[in-house]
């Protein structure tokens, strides 16, 4: 027993009453009874317990509130539904006919010569018209690059496609891609590459863009990249295989994804120059004359074969003939002419194979220099 536990003379029952009575009242009051100490301790413990329980409740409440707030915030980024990303049935890219019509589909791929937001409105009527003529449901397939569209044809994920000239030459060599028909515009089946700079630029030739920021629609674009890079090579500037860029010539090579974006990049001053499709540039100037006031052409290429409509070499022969016949007869019907006018095309024709010899030769030159 410790000194603190030992009873005092005040409350020890072994102490005689006379001894207890001899303790002065002040001394008796100075030492509280043991049972009074126990009550205080219990009160203190109870108070501490209540405070601790309150603290626990506060922490739990705070944590729960934070979790609820976080969950509400994260819900903004939660997927609302699942979608299929399977190549030929991508609902984010493809526009399909209403379900339940019982028709097989006609899948037409569109290379991004013009930006996706414009291409669908331009080609929608065309694909609808073509699909109706062959009694199929229309499906438009769009991809971000020329190479991706080539792969749709290569792996037979589409029935036909609009592709760029250089992309066709590559597809022809790699897996036998075939031209079905080409657009005739203004009585010709050719177009040009234009080297474009801002109106305020001091550049008067492609060589004046050394060390500048340059834009192309795509690395498989004939007018956007094949022509200018071969031209540079012919004028003493070597070409590297890495990234497909001109060796030390341009400070930066910007891939815009489409020719209208390249034109806009020059007109806004975002780049110092760009190589663009003449057809796209002329159409944009017609729609917005201020573009001509903000840009100028410093180099124009020789004529190249028009970007063609192509198919896989193993396409069903009957479907091939149906599609070709429909294309060649479009301009002869009122509905067909209306669709062609919306696309700024006079008619479709079957081209001579020699139409693409210039691009085939340029491709060999570029690839031999890498």
Protein backbone atom coordinates (compact mmCIF):
# COMPACT_ATOMS: atom_id res chain seq x y z
CA UNK A 1 0.00 0.00 0.00
CA UNK A 2 1.36 3.39 -0.99
CA UNK A 3 1.31 6.53 1.09
CA UNK A 4 -1.51 7.83 -1.02
CA UNK A 5 -3.61 4.68 -0.36
CA UNK A 6 -3.01 4.55 3.42
CA UNK A 7 -6.02 5.90 5.46
CA UNK A 8 -5.45 9.07 7.36
CA UNK A 9 -6.26 9.62 11.04
CA UNK A 10 -9.38 11.38 9.92
CA UNK A 11 -11.12 8.43 8.33
CA UNK A 12 -9.21 5.38 9.60
CA UNK A 13 -11.66 3.26 11.64
CA UNK A 14 -8.77 1.92 13.71
CA UNK A 15 -8.16 5.35 15.19
CA UNK A 16 -10.00 5.85 18.47
CA UNK A 17 -12.82 8.38 18.46
CA UNK A 18 -10.98 10.54 20.93
CA UNK A 19 -8.03 10.78 18.58
CA UNK A 20 -10.25 11.62 15.70
CA UNK A 21 -12.00 14.29 17.70
CA UNK A 22 -8.60 15.74 18.56
CA UNK A 23 -7.95 16.62 14.87
CA UNK A 24 -8.77 20.28 14.31
CA UNK A 25 -11.80 20.94 12.06
CA UNK A 26 -9.62 22.81 9.56
CA UNK A 27 -7.38 19.80 9.20
CA UNK A 28 -10.34 17.53 8.73
CA UNK A 29 -11.69 19.80 5.96
CA UNK A 30 -8.24 20.05 4.27
CA UNK A 31 -8.21 16.31 3.48
CA UNK A 32 -11.27 15.38 1.38
CA UNK A 33 -12.90 12.10 2.08
CA UNK A 34 -11.78 9.17 -0.19
CA UNK A 35 -15.27 8.68 -1.65
CA UNK A 36 -15.27 12.34 -2.77
CA UNK A 37 -11.98 11.75 -4.72
CA UNK A 38 -13.57 8.76 -6.49
CA UNK A 39 -16.50 10.85 -7.69
CA UNK A 40 -14.18 13.48 -9.14
CA UNK A 41 -12.11 10.85 -10.95
CA UNK A 42 -15.20 9.28 -12.41
CA UNK A 43 -16.47 12.67 -13.57
CA UNK A 44 -13.16 13.44 -15.16
CA UNK A 45 -13.10 10.06 -16.93
CA UNK A 46 -16.66 10.58 -18.11
CA UNK A 47 -15.79 14.05 -19.46
CA UNK A 48 -12.70 12.73 -21.24
CA UNK A 49 -14.73 9.88 -22.68
CA UNK A 50 -17.35 12.27 -23.99
CA UNK A 51 -14.70 14.51 -25.51
CA UNK A 52 -12.97 11.53 -27.14
CA UNK A 53 -16.23 10.19 -28.53
CA UNK A 54 -17.06 13.63 -29.90
CA UNK A 55 -13.68 13.85 -31.59
CA UNK A 56 -14.18 10.42 -33.18
CA UNK A 57 -17.64 11.39 -34.41
CA UNK A 58 -16.25 14.65 -35.82
CA UNK A 59 -13.47 12.83 -37.70
CA UNK A 60 -15.88 10.22 -39.09
CA UNK A 61 -18.30 12.95 -40.16
CA UNK A 62 -15.52 14.92 -41.83
CA UNK A 63 -14.17 11.87 -43.68
CA UNK A 64 -17.63 10.79 -44.81
CA UNK A 65 -18.42 14.28 -46.05
CA UNK A 66 -15.18 14.45 -47.98
CA UNK A 67 -15.84 11.06 -49.61
CA UNK A 68 -19.35 12.11 -50.63
CA UNK A 69 -18.03 15.37 -52.08
CA UNK A 70 -15.25 13.56 -53.94
CA UNK A 71 -17.66 10.96 -55.33
CA UNK A 72 -19.95 13.68 -56.60
CA UNK A 73 -17.02 15.40 -58.26
CA UNK A 74 -15.71 12.17 -59.83
CA UNK A 75 -19.16 11.35 -61.15
CA UNK A 76 -18.73 14.10 -63.71
CA UNK A 77 -16.03 12.00 -65.36
CA UNK A 78 -17.69 8.61 -65.02
CA UNK A 79 -18.76 6.90 -68.30
CA UNK A 80 -22.47 7.08 -68.91
CA UNK A 81 -22.48 4.15 -71.33
CA UNK A 82 -20.14 1.70 -72.99
CA UNK A 83 -19.37 1.89 -76.71
CA UNK A 84 -17.72 -0.56 -79.08
CA UNK A 85 -14.36 0.48 -80.49
CA UNK A 86 -14.25 -2.36 -83.01
CA UNK A 87 -12.67 -1.05 -86.21
CA UNK A 88 -15.52 -1.33 -88.69
CA UNK A 89 -18.31 -0.36 -86.32
CA UNK A 90 -17.03 2.68 -84.44
CA UNK A 91 -20.12 4.65 -83.29
CA UNK A 92 -17.98 7.68 -82.52
CA UNK A 93 -16.90 7.97 -86.16
CA UNK A 94 -19.47 6.17 -88.28
CA UNK A 95 -22.89 7.30 -89.34
CA UNK A 96 -25.19 4.37 -89.93
CA UNK A 97 -28.68 3.92 -91.32
CA UNK A 98 -31.57 3.25 -88.93
CA UNK A 99 -31.46 -0.22 -87.43
CA UNK A 100 -33.93 -2.89 -88.41
CA UNK A 101 -34.11 -2.15 -92.16
CA UNK A 102 -32.67 -5.56 -92.97
CA UNK A 103 -30.10 -4.20 -95.43
CA UNK A 104 -26.42 -4.96 -95.52
CA UNK A 105 -24.26 -1.85 -95.37
CA UNK A 106 -22.14 0.03 -97.88
CA UNK A 107 -19.11 1.32 -95.99
CA UNK A 108 -17.34 4.28 -97.57
CA UNK A 109 -14.12 5.62 -96.01
CA UNK A 110 -13.17 9.28 -96.32
CA UNK A 111 -9.55 10.47 -96.01
CA UNK A 112 -9.26 13.77 -94.07
CA UNK A 113 -8.33 15.94 -97.06
CA UNK A 114 -10.69 18.41 -95.41
CA UNK A 115 -11.35 18.44 -91.68
CA UNK A 116 -13.78 15.86 -90.23
CA UNK A 117 -16.29 18.50 -89.16
CA UNK A 118 -16.64 19.52 -92.82
CA UNK A 119 -16.15 16.20 -94.58
CA UNK A 120 -19.29 14.57 -93.20
CA UNK A 121 -21.56 17.34 -94.49
CA UNK A 122 -19.79 17.25 -97.87
CA UNK A 123 -19.88 13.48 -98.36
CA UNK A 124 -23.09 12.51 -96.58
CA UNK A 125 -25.35 13.05 -99.59
CA UNK A 126 -22.92 11.22 -101.84
CA UNK A 127 -22.77 8.11 -99.67
CA UNK A 128 -26.56 8.14 -99.23
CA UNK A 129 -27.03 8.35 -103.00
CA UNK A 130 -24.53 5.61 -103.77
CA UNK A 131 -25.89 3.24 -101.11
CA UNK A 132 -29.46 3.68 -102.31
CA UNK A 133 -28.42 2.80 -105.86
CA UNK A 134 -26.86 -0.49 -104.74
CA UNK A 135 -29.66 -1.17 -102.22
CA UNK A 136 -27.51 -1.02 -99.11
CA UNK A 137 -27.49 0.98 -95.88
CA UNK A 138 -25.00 3.91 -95.93
CA UNK A 139 -22.07 4.00 -93.51
CA UNK A 140 -19.43 6.76 -93.52
CA UNK A 141 -16.06 5.80 -92.05
CA UNK A 142 -13.72 8.61 -91.01
CA UNK A 143 -10.23 8.28 -89.60
CA UNK A 144 -7.62 10.80 -88.43
CA UNK A 145 -4.83 10.00 -90.90
CA UNK A 146 -4.40 8.94 -94.51
CA UNK A 147 -2.58 5.79 -93.37
CA UNK A 148 -5.55 4.75 -91.23
CA UNK A 149 -7.91 5.12 -94.18
CA UNK A 150 -5.51 3.06 -96.32
CA UNK A 151 -5.66 0.36 -93.66
CA UNK A 152 -9.45 0.29 -93.84
CA UNK A 153 -9.09 -0.61 -97.51
CA UNK A 154 -6.13 -2.94 -96.94
CA UNK A 155 -7.96 -5.05 -94.34
CA UNK A 156 -11.29 -4.85 -96.21
CA UNK A 157 -13.01 -2.84 -93.51
CA UNK A 158 -14.72 -0.73 -96.15
CA UNK A 159 -16.06 -1.25 -99.68
CA UNK A 160 -14.58 1.89 -101.22
CA UNK A 161 -12.69 4.99 -100.15
CA UNK A 162 -11.70 8.53 -101.12
CA UNK A 163 -7.92 8.74 -100.71
CA UNK A 164 -5.08 11.14 -101.46
CA UNK A 165 -2.89 10.58 -104.54
CA UNK A 166 0.28 9.62 -102.65
CA UNK A 167 -1.74 7.38 -100.32
CA UNK A 168 -3.11 5.62 -103.41
CA UNK A 169 0.39 5.08 -104.84
CA UNK A 170 1.49 3.57 -101.54
CA UNK A 171 -1.59 1.36 -101.30
CA UNK A 172 -1.20 0.27 -104.92
CA UNK A 173 2.36 -0.87 -104.25
CA UNK A 174 1.72 -2.43 -100.83
CA UNK A 175 -1.47 -4.45 -101.43
CA UNK A 176 -2.78 -3.75 -104.92
CA UNK A 177 -5.22 -0.90 -104.16
CA UNK A 178 -7.19 -0.10 -107.34
CA UNK A 179 -8.63 3.12 -108.75
CA UNK A 180 -12.35 2.87 -109.42
CA UNK A 181 -12.91 6.40 -110.75
CA UNK A 182 -11.69 9.97 -110.33
CA UNK A 183 -13.53 13.29 -110.05
CA UNK A 184 -13.46 15.66 -113.00
CA UNK A 185 -13.53 19.30 -111.87
CA UNK A 186 -13.55 22.24 -114.26
CA UNK A 187 -13.06 19.88 -117.18
CA UNK A 188 -9.79 18.42 -115.84
CA UNK A 189 -8.74 15.48 -113.69
CA UNK A 190 -5.68 17.15 -112.17
CA UNK A 191 -4.84 19.49 -109.29
CA UNK A 192 -1.73 21.21 -107.86
CA UNK A 193 0.25 21.61 -104.69
CA UNK A 194 0.49 25.22 -103.53
CA UNK A 195 3.17 26.58 -101.20
CA UNK A 196 1.33 29.16 -99.14
CA UNK A 197 2.69 31.89 -96.84
CA UNK A 198 1.09 34.79 -94.94
CA UNK A 199 0.47 37.89 -97.03
CA UNK A 200 2.92 39.87 -94.90
CA UNK A 201 5.72 37.32 -95.35
CA UNK A 202 8.88 38.33 -97.22
CA UNK A 203 9.23 34.78 -98.59
CA UNK A 204 8.96 34.46 -102.36
CA UNK A 205 9.89 30.76 -102.69
CA UNK A 206 9.93 27.53 -100.70
CA UNK A 207 13.67 27.98 -100.06
CA UNK A 208 12.90 31.21 -98.19
CA UNK A 209 11.17 29.12 -95.51
CA UNK A 210 14.43 27.70 -94.17
CA UNK A 211 14.36 27.75 -90.37
CA UNK A 212 10.63 28.53 -90.36
CA UNK A 213 7.55 26.76 -89.07
CA UNK A 214 5.93 24.70 -91.85
CA UNK A 215 2.59 22.86 -92.01
CA UNK A 216 1.36 19.77 -93.88
CA UNK A 217 -1.97 17.99 -93.77
CA UNK A 218 -0.41 14.52 -93.52
CA UNK A 219 2.87 12.73 -94.24
CA UNK A 220 1.06 10.66 -96.91
CA UNK A 221 -0.23 13.79 -98.62
CA UNK A 222 1.14 14.34 -102.12
CA UNK A 223 0.39 18.06 -102.22
CA UNK A 224 1.04 18.57 -98.51
CA UNK A 225 4.36 16.78 -98.15
CA UNK A 226 5.59 14.60 -101.05
CA UNK A 227 5.85 17.45 -103.52
CA UNK A 228 7.58 20.04 -101.27
CA UNK A 229 10.06 17.56 -99.77
CA UNK A 230 11.06 16.18 -103.20
CA UNK A 231 11.34 19.74 -104.51
CA UNK A 232 13.68 20.55 -101.64
CA UNK A 233 15.73 17.44 -102.39
CA UNK A 234 16.02 18.49 -106.03
CA UNK A 235 17.38 21.82 -104.82
CA UNK A 236 20.13 20.35 -102.67
CA UNK A 237 18.41 19.69 -99.34
CA UNK A 238 18.76 16.08 -98.13
CA UNK A 239 15.87 14.24 -96.49
CA UNK A 240 15.97 12.05 -93.39
CA UNK A 241 13.84 8.96 -92.85
CA UNK A 242 13.37 9.85 -89.18
CA UNK A 243 10.03 11.60 -88.90
CA UNK A 244 9.97 12.21 -92.67
CA UNK A 245 11.36 15.72 -92.16
CA UNK A 246 13.70 17.83 -94.25
CA UNK A 247 17.17 17.63 -92.73
CA UNK A 248 17.69 20.84 -90.81
CA UNK A 249 15.61 22.86 -93.25
CA UNK A 250 12.43 23.68 -91.32
CA UNK A 251 12.57 24.76 -87.70
CA UNK A 252 9.35 22.84 -87.05
CA UNK A 253 7.07 20.64 -89.15
CA UNK A 254 3.42 20.85 -88.04
CA UNK A 255 0.97 18.11 -89.08
CA UNK A 256 -2.45 19.78 -89.14
CA UNK A 257 -4.57 16.76 -90.12
CA UNK A 258 -6.30 18.36 -93.15
CA UNK A 259 -5.68 20.92 -95.89
CA UNK A 260 -8.27 23.43 -94.71
CA UNK A 261 -6.56 23.48 -91.31
CA UNK A 262 -3.21 24.08 -93.03
CA UNK A 263 -4.69 27.03 -94.92
CA UNK A 264 -6.16 28.41 -91.70
CA UNK A 265 -2.80 27.99 -89.94
CA UNK A 266 -1.14 30.19 -92.58
CA UNK A 267 -3.94 32.75 -92.69
CA UNK A 268 -3.81 33.17 -88.92
CA UNK A 269 -0.02 33.42 -88.82
CA UNK A 270 0.29 30.26 -86.71
CA UNK A 271 2.82 28.89 -89.23
CA UNK A 272 5.19 30.60 -91.65
CA UNK A 273 4.20 28.44 -94.59
CA UNK A 274 2.30 25.35 -95.70
CA UNK A 275 1.84 23.06 -98.68
CA UNK A 276 -1.85 22.68 -99.54
CA UNK A 277 -4.21 21.13 -102.06
CA UNK A 278 -5.12 23.71 -104.72
CA UNK A 279 -8.74 22.52 -104.85
CA UNK A 280 -9.23 23.03 -101.12
CA UNK A 281 -7.52 26.44 -101.16
CA UNK A 282 -9.56 27.70 -104.12
CA UNK A 283 -12.81 26.56 -102.53
CA UNK A 284 -11.94 28.26 -99.24
CA UNK A 285 -11.08 31.51 -101.03
CA UNK A 286 -14.38 31.35 -102.89
CA UNK A 287 -16.27 30.92 -99.64
CA UNK A 288 -14.21 33.48 -97.72
CA UNK A 289 -12.35 36.07 -99.88
CA UNK A 290 -10.50 37.39 -96.83
CA UNK A 291 -8.33 34.25 -96.96
CA UNK A 292 -6.83 35.49 -100.24
CA UNK A 293 -6.15 38.84 -98.59
CA UNK A 294 -4.24 37.12 -95.77
CA UNK A 295 -2.22 34.61 -97.80
CA UNK A 296 -0.16 34.35 -100.97
CA UNK A 297 1.11 31.51 -103.16
CA UNK A 298 4.90 31.43 -103.65
CA UNK A 299 5.16 28.12 -105.55
CA UNK A 300 2.79 26.03 -107.66
CA UNK A 301 3.49 22.44 -108.63
CA UNK A 302 2.98 20.76 -112.00
CA UNK A 303 -0.42 19.04 -112.36
CA UNK A 304 -1.01 15.78 -110.50
CA UNK A 305 -3.69 13.14 -110.97
CA UNK A 306 -6.85 13.88 -108.99
CA UNK A 307 -7.31 12.07 -105.63
CA UNK A 308 -9.18 8.90 -106.62
CA UNK A 309 -12.01 6.70 -105.43
CA UNK A 310 -10.41 3.33 -104.68
CA UNK A 311 -11.31 -0.25 -103.80
CA UNK A 312 -9.57 -3.38 -102.57
CA UNK A 313 -8.45 -5.64 -105.43
CA UNK A 314 -10.55 -8.50 -104.05
CA UNK A 315 -13.81 -6.57 -103.79
CA UNK A 316 -16.87 -8.51 -104.89
CA UNK A 317 -16.91 -8.15 -108.72
CA UNK A 318 -20.66 -7.53 -108.90
CA UNK A 319 -20.51 -4.79 -106.28
CA UNK A 320 -17.54 -3.26 -108.06
CA UNK A 321 -19.46 -3.03 -111.31
CA UNK A 322 -22.52 -1.59 -109.56
CA UNK A 323 -20.48 1.09 -107.85
CA UNK A 324 -18.60 2.02 -111.00
CA UNK A 325 -21.77 2.24 -113.08
CA UNK A 326 -23.41 4.45 -110.44
CA UNK A 327 -20.42 6.80 -110.29
CA UNK A 328 -20.15 7.17 -114.06
CA UNK A 329 -23.89 7.89 -114.46
CA UNK A 330 -24.37 10.33 -111.59
CA UNK A 331 -24.04 13.47 -113.71
CA UNK A 332 -26.76 12.20 -116.06
CA UNK A 333 -29.55 12.38 -113.46
CA UNK A 334 -31.01 15.39 -111.70
CA UNK A 335 -30.51 13.89 -108.24
CA UNK A 336 -26.98 12.81 -109.10
CA UNK A 337 -26.08 16.27 -110.42
CA UNK A 338 -27.38 17.84 -107.23
CA UNK A 339 -25.13 15.58 -105.14
CA UNK A 340 -22.13 16.29 -107.37
CA UNK A 341 -22.73 20.05 -107.25
CA UNK A 342 -22.64 19.94 -103.46
CA UNK A 343 -19.21 18.28 -103.74
CA UNK A 344 -18.09 20.74 -106.47
CA UNK A 345 -17.52 17.84 -108.87
CA UNK A 346 -18.59 17.84 -112.53
CA UNK A 347 -18.64 14.07 -112.93
CA UNK A 348 -16.69 10.88 -112.29
CA UNK A 349 -14.57 9.29 -115.03
CA UNK A 350 -12.26 6.31 -115.44
CA UNK A 351 -8.68 7.65 -115.64
CA UNK A 352 -5.74 6.48 -117.71
CA UNK A 353 -3.21 4.62 -115.60
CA UNK A 354 -0.51 7.10 -116.64
CA UNK A 355 -2.33 9.84 -114.72
CA UNK A 356 -0.41 8.91 -111.56
CA UNK A 357 3.03 8.32 -113.06
CA UNK A 358 4.33 11.66 -111.78
CA UNK A 359 3.40 10.81 -108.20
CA UNK A 360 4.76 7.26 -108.55
CA UNK A 361 8.10 8.68 -109.67
CA UNK A 362 8.17 11.28 -106.88
CA UNK A 363 7.48 8.54 -104.32
CA UNK A 364 10.43 6.52 -105.62
CA UNK A 365 12.68 9.57 -105.44
CA UNK A 366 11.66 10.36 -101.86
CA UNK A 367 12.02 6.80 -100.64
CA UNK A 368 15.38 6.29 -102.36
CA UNK A 369 16.80 9.33 -100.56
CA UNK A 370 15.87 8.12 -97.08
